[in-house]
């Protein structure tokens, strides 16, 4: 069963929000899970540090219609474990063309591309959640120059999955 905690508008996510999710989920999260839920930085870098491994992005599906790029991807460790899944909706009109071209190529994660290009980004977490025994997740929006450029839902498996490569 999914338990979701919605973050109020104009309210930054706090440890109290994590506690509220723990209460409605009847689950105590460990430190690494709390960090993944509350982090406002680059998820791929955080997972590399937490797992002491290099990572890569695998784009599972990517389609573009009416200036919206929808992408399903996963972050994979150097030992071929799936560390996270991501579903992204990228609004192409508000992203610099060079950045958008790299996202379309599908070789790197969105966060790493934005970081490489030093694009000033504001990240707003809108939901955090827990699916009993399966995964934790968070949904957030990325803003550049006050324009919504992307919505992302990240899923972190409780048990790390091996890929079929």
C-alpha atoms as a PDB file:
ATOM      1  CA  UNK A   1       0.000   0.000   0.000  1.00  0.00           C
ATOM      2  CA  UNK A   2       1.309   3.466  -0.935  1.00  0.00           C
ATOM      3  CA  UNK A   3       1.572   6.115   1.754  1.00  0.00           C
ATOM      4  CA  UNK A   4       2.065   9.648   0.439  1.00  0.00           C
ATOM      5  CA  UNK A   5       2.805  12.879   2.235  1.00  0.00           C
ATOM      6  CA  UNK A   6       2.162  16.037   0.204  1.00  0.00           C
ATOM      7  CA  UNK A   7       4.345  19.024   0.964  1.00  0.00           C
ATOM      8  CA  UNK A   8       2.441  22.297   1.325  1.00  0.00           C
ATOM      9  CA  UNK A   9       3.081  25.037  -1.224  1.00  0.00           C
ATOM     10  CA  UNK A  10       5.826  27.473  -0.259  1.00  0.00           C
ATOM     11  CA  UNK A  11       6.875  25.087   2.516  1.00  0.00           C
ATOM     12  CA  UNK A  12      10.337  23.527   2.354  1.00  0.00           C
ATOM     13  CA  UNK A  13      10.555  19.844   3.247  1.00  0.00           C
ATOM     14  CA  UNK A  14      11.809  19.309   6.801  1.00  0.00           C
ATOM     15  CA  UNK A  15      12.638  16.401   9.090  1.00  0.00           C
ATOM     16  CA  UNK A  16       9.157  16.917  10.587  1.00  0.00           C
ATOM     17  CA  UNK A  17       7.683  16.001   7.200  1.00  0.00           C
ATOM     18  CA  UNK A  18       9.770  12.820   7.196  1.00  0.00           C
ATOM     19  CA  UNK A  19       8.428  12.055  10.695  1.00  0.00           C
ATOM     20  CA  UNK A  20       4.858  12.545   9.462  1.00  0.00           C
ATOM     21  CA  UNK A  21       5.481  10.112   6.585  1.00  0.00           C
ATOM     22  CA  UNK A  22       6.956   7.622   9.071  1.00  0.00           C
ATOM     23  CA  UNK A  23       3.825   7.960  11.224  1.00  0.00           C
ATOM     24  CA  UNK A  24       1.345   7.399   8.385  1.00  0.00           C
ATOM     25  CA  UNK A  25       3.501   4.557   6.992  1.00  0.00           C
ATOM     26  CA  UNK A  26       4.122   2.929  10.362  1.00  0.00           C
ATOM     27  CA  UNK A  27       7.751   2.642   9.216  1.00  0.00           C
ATOM     28  CA  UNK A  28      10.972   4.039  10.655  1.00  0.00           C
ATOM     29  CA  UNK A  29      13.309   5.097   7.833  1.00  0.00           C
ATOM     30  CA  UNK A  30      17.062   4.692   8.140  1.00  0.00           C
ATOM     31  CA  UNK A  31      19.458   7.610   7.672  1.00  0.00           C
ATOM     32  CA  UNK A  32      20.155   6.897   3.995  1.00  0.00           C
ATOM     33  CA  UNK A  33      16.421   6.765   3.199  1.00  0.00           C
ATOM     34  CA  UNK A  34      15.849  10.066   5.015  1.00  0.00           C
ATOM     35  CA  UNK A  35      18.694  11.654   3.046  1.00  0.00           C
ATOM     36  CA  UNK A  36      17.254  10.462  -0.262  1.00  0.00           C
ATOM     37  CA  UNK A  37      13.815  11.841   0.622  1.00  0.00           C
ATOM     38  CA  UNK A  38      14.974  15.272   1.781  1.00  0.00           C
ATOM     39  CA  UNK A  39      17.939  15.914  -0.553  1.00  0.00           C
ATOM     40  CA  UNK A  40      17.730  18.976  -2.813  1.00  0.00           C
ATOM     41  CA  UNK A  41      20.975  18.311  -4.699  1.00  0.00           C
ATOM     42  CA  UNK A  42      22.049  15.970  -7.466  1.00  0.00           C
ATOM     43  CA  UNK A  43      20.567  12.511  -6.819  1.00  0.00           C
ATOM     44  CA  UNK A  44      23.103  10.675  -8.970  1.00  0.00           C
ATOM     45  CA  UNK A  45      26.035  12.200  -7.063  1.00  0.00           C
ATOM     46  CA  UNK A  46      24.399  11.441  -3.717  1.00  0.00           C
ATOM     47  CA  UNK A  47      23.851   7.801  -4.704  1.00  0.00           C
ATOM     48  CA  UNK A  48      27.489   7.520  -5.811  1.00  0.00           C
ATOM     49  CA  UNK A  49      28.701   8.726  -2.420  1.00  0.00           C
ATOM     50  CA  UNK A  50      26.186   6.664  -0.431  1.00  0.00           C
ATOM     51  CA  UNK A  51      27.010   3.468  -2.339  1.00  0.00           C
ATOM     52  CA  UNK A  52      30.726   4.177  -2.911  1.00  0.00           C
ATOM     53  CA  UNK A  53      30.382   3.474  -6.617  1.00  0.00           C
ATOM     54  CA  UNK A  54      30.347   5.164  -9.998  1.00  0.00           C
ATOM     55  CA  UNK A  55      26.922   5.292 -11.629  1.00  0.00           C
ATOM     56  CA  UNK A  56      25.451   5.627 -15.075  1.00  0.00           C
ATOM     57  CA  UNK A  57      22.036   6.474 -16.452  1.00  0.00           C
ATOM     58  CA  UNK A  58      20.041   4.063 -18.560  1.00  0.00           C
ATOM     59  CA  UNK A  59      17.184   5.648 -20.474  1.00  0.00           C
ATOM     60  CA  UNK A  60      14.398   3.075 -20.718  1.00  0.00           C
ATOM     61  CA  UNK A  61      11.968   5.151 -22.752  1.00  0.00           C
ATOM     62  CA  UNK A  62      11.954   8.684 -24.116  1.00  0.00           C
ATOM     63  CA  UNK A  63       9.287  10.380 -26.232  1.00  0.00           C
ATOM     64  CA  UNK A  64       8.761  14.006 -27.200  1.00  0.00           C
ATOM     65  CA  UNK A  65       5.384  15.478 -28.085  1.00  0.00           C
ATOM     66  CA  UNK A  66       4.262  19.107 -28.211  1.00  0.00           C
ATOM     67  CA  UNK A  67       7.467  20.494 -26.644  1.00  0.00           C
ATOM     68  CA  UNK A  68       7.273  18.051 -23.699  1.00  0.00           C
ATOM     69  CA  UNK A  69       9.907  15.347 -23.349  1.00  0.00           C
ATOM     70  CA  UNK A  70       8.822  12.354 -21.254  1.00  0.00           C
ATOM     71  CA  UNK A  71      11.567  10.079 -20.052  1.00  0.00           C
ATOM     72  CA  UNK A  72      11.819   6.911 -17.970  1.00  0.00           C
ATOM     73  CA  UNK A  73      15.281   6.066 -16.742  1.00  0.00           C
ATOM     74  CA  UNK A  74      17.247   4.389 -13.981  1.00  0.00           C
ATOM     75  CA  UNK A  75      20.503   5.006 -12.166  1.00  0.00           C
ATOM     76  CA  UNK A  76      22.770   1.955 -12.209  1.00  0.00           C
ATOM     77  CA  UNK A  77      25.847   1.302 -10.069  1.00  0.00           C
ATOM     78  CA  UNK A  78      29.196   0.063 -11.393  1.00  0.00           C
ATOM     79  CA  UNK A  79      28.215  -3.359  -9.982  1.00  0.00           C
ATOM     80  CA  UNK A  80      25.089  -3.305 -12.185  1.00  0.00           C
ATOM     81  CA  UNK A  81      22.571  -2.675  -9.383  1.00  0.00           C
ATOM     82  CA  UNK A  82      19.592  -0.404  -9.968  1.00  0.00           C
ATOM     83  CA  UNK A  83      19.811   2.334  -7.338  1.00  0.00           C
ATOM     84  CA  UNK A  84      16.873   4.471  -8.517  1.00  0.00           C
ATOM     85  CA  UNK A  85      14.206   4.844 -11.161  1.00  0.00           C
ATOM     86  CA  UNK A  86      13.055   8.216 -12.480  1.00  0.00           C
ATOM     87  CA  UNK A  87      10.076   9.388 -14.486  1.00  0.00           C
ATOM     88  CA  UNK A  88      10.614  12.865 -15.884  1.00  0.00           C
ATOM     89  CA  UNK A  89       8.528  15.380 -17.764  1.00  0.00           C
ATOM     90  CA  UNK A  90      10.747  18.082 -19.292  1.00  0.00           C
ATOM     91  CA  UNK A  91       9.235  21.312 -20.616  1.00  0.00           C
ATOM     92  CA  UNK A  92      11.438  22.063 -23.614  1.00  0.00           C
ATOM     93  CA  UNK A  93      10.519  25.734 -24.190  1.00  0.00           C
ATOM     94  CA  UNK A  94      12.185  26.982 -20.998  1.00  0.00           C
ATOM     95  CA  UNK A  95      15.497  25.096 -21.220  1.00  0.00           C
ATOM     96  CA  UNK A  96      18.566  26.406 -23.107  1.00  0.00           C
ATOM     97  CA  UNK A  97      18.922  24.533 -26.419  1.00  0.00           C
ATOM     98  CA  UNK A  98      22.400  23.122 -25.689  1.00  0.00           C
ATOM     99  CA  UNK A  99      21.138  21.643 -22.387  1.00  0.00           C
ATOM    100  CA  UNK A 100      18.023  20.269 -24.061  1.00  0.00           C
ATOM    101  CA  UNK A 101      20.085  18.635 -26.829  1.00  0.00           C
ATOM    102  CA  UNK A 102      22.155  16.790 -24.206  1.00  0.00           C
ATOM    103  CA  UNK A 103      19.020  15.642 -22.385  1.00  0.00           C
ATOM    104  CA  UNK A 104      17.610  14.348 -25.688  1.00  0.00           C
ATOM    105  CA  UNK A 105      20.829  12.345 -26.280  1.00  0.00           C
ATOM    106  CA  UNK A 106      20.004  10.307 -23.167  1.00  0.00           C
ATOM    107  CA  UNK A 107      23.611   9.630 -22.173  1.00  0.00           C
ATOM    108  CA  UNK A 108      23.604  11.529 -18.875  1.00  0.00           C
ATOM    109  CA  UNK A 109      21.211  12.262 -16.065  1.00  0.00           C
ATOM    110  CA  UNK A 110      19.259  15.505 -16.094  1.00  0.00           C
ATOM    111  CA  UNK A 111      20.849  16.664 -12.825  1.00  0.00           C
ATOM    112  CA  UNK A 112      24.387  16.043 -14.056  1.00  0.00           C
ATOM    113  CA  UNK A 113      23.671  17.918 -17.295  1.00  0.00           C
ATOM    114  CA  UNK A 114      22.228  20.901 -15.435  1.00  0.00           C
ATOM    115  CA  UNK A 115      25.198  20.873 -13.054  1.00  0.00           C
ATOM    116  CA  UNK A 116      27.722  20.665 -15.919  1.00  0.00           C
ATOM    117  CA  UNK A 117      26.121  23.688 -17.613  1.00  0.00           C
ATOM    118  CA  UNK A 118      25.907  25.535 -14.272  1.00  0.00           C
ATOM    119  CA  UNK A 119      22.241  26.218 -14.815  1.00  0.00           C
ATOM    120  CA  UNK A 120      20.765  27.912 -11.758  1.00  0.00           C
ATOM    121  CA  UNK A 121      18.016  25.604 -10.544  1.00  0.00           C
ATOM    122  CA  UNK A 122      15.513  25.703  -7.704  1.00  0.00           C
ATOM    123  CA  UNK A 123      14.265  22.267  -6.627  1.00  0.00           C
ATOM    124  CA  UNK A 124      10.882  22.038  -4.875  1.00  0.00           C
ATOM    125  CA  UNK A 125       9.893  18.691  -3.364  1.00  0.00           C
ATOM    126  CA  UNK A 126       6.118  18.255  -3.653  1.00  0.00           C
ATOM    127  CA  UNK A 127       5.564  14.703  -2.351  1.00  0.00           C
ATOM    128  CA  UNK A 128       7.394  12.002  -0.482  1.00  0.00           C
ATOM    129  CA  UNK A 129       6.140   8.491  -0.028  1.00  0.00           C
ATOM    130  CA  UNK A 130       6.585   4.869   0.896  1.00  0.00           C
ATOM    131  CA  UNK A 131       5.276   1.706  -0.795  1.00  0.00           C
ATOM    132  CA  UNK A 132       5.265  -0.987   1.875  1.00  0.00           C
ATOM    133  CA  UNK A 133       8.357  -3.168   1.552  1.00  0.00           C
ATOM    134  CA  UNK A 134       9.040  -2.027  -2.022  1.00  0.00           C
ATOM    135  CA  UNK A 135      10.419   1.492  -2.225  1.00  0.00           C
ATOM    136  CA  UNK A 136      10.463   5.083  -1.049  1.00  0.00           C
ATOM    137  CA  UNK A 137       9.843   7.874  -3.523  1.00  0.00           C
ATOM    138  CA  UNK A 138       9.762  11.615  -3.969  1.00  0.00           C
ATOM    139  CA  UNK A 139       8.295  13.945  -6.544  1.00  0.00           C
ATOM    140  CA  UNK A 140       9.742  17.347  -7.222  1.00  0.00           C
ATOM    141  CA  UNK A 141       9.753  20.215  -9.676  1.00  0.00           C
ATOM    142  CA  UNK A 142      12.759  22.033 -11.105  1.00  0.00           C
ATOM    143  CA  UNK A 143      12.608  25.749 -11.829  1.00  0.00           C
ATOM    144  CA  UNK A 144      14.996  27.895 -13.865  1.00  0.00           C
ATOM    145  CA  UNK A 145      14.551  31.679 -13.839  1.00  0.00           C
ATOM    146  CA  UNK A 146      11.207  31.146 -12.067  1.00  0.00           C
ATOM    147  CA  UNK A 147       9.928  28.930 -14.904  1.00  0.00           C
ATOM    148  CA  UNK A 148       8.952  25.304 -14.361  1.00  0.00           C
ATOM    149  CA  UNK A 149      11.312  23.273 -16.548  1.00  0.00           C
ATOM    150  CA  UNK A 150      10.859  19.749 -15.262  1.00  0.00           C
ATOM    151  CA  UNK A 151       8.833  17.450 -12.996  1.00  0.00           C
ATOM    152  CA  UNK A 152      10.556  14.330 -11.723  1.00  0.00           C
ATOM    153  CA  UNK A 153       9.396  11.330  -9.713  1.00  0.00           C
ATOM    154  CA  UNK A 154      12.278   9.299  -8.235  1.00  0.00           C
ATOM    155  CA  UNK A 155      11.809   5.804  -6.849  1.00  0.00           C
ATOM    156  CA  UNK A 156      14.413   4.208  -4.574  1.00  0.00           C
ATOM    157  CA  UNK A 157      14.050   0.425  -4.161  1.00  0.00           C
ATOM    158  CA  UNK A 158      14.246  -0.858  -0.573  1.00  0.00           C
ATOM    159  CA  UNK A 159      16.198  -3.843  -1.878  1.00  0.00           C
ATOM    160  CA  UNK A 160      18.689  -3.019  -4.619  1.00  0.00           C
ATOM    161  CA  UNK A 161      17.804  -4.763  -7.890  1.00  0.00           C
ATOM    162  CA  UNK A 162      20.254  -6.338 -10.335  1.00  0.00           C
ATOM    163  CA  UNK A 163      19.916  -5.324 -13.992  1.00  0.00           C
ATOM    164  CA  UNK A 164      19.632  -7.809 -16.826  1.00  0.00           C
ATOM    165  CA  UNK A 165      22.801  -6.742 -18.607  1.00  0.00           C
END
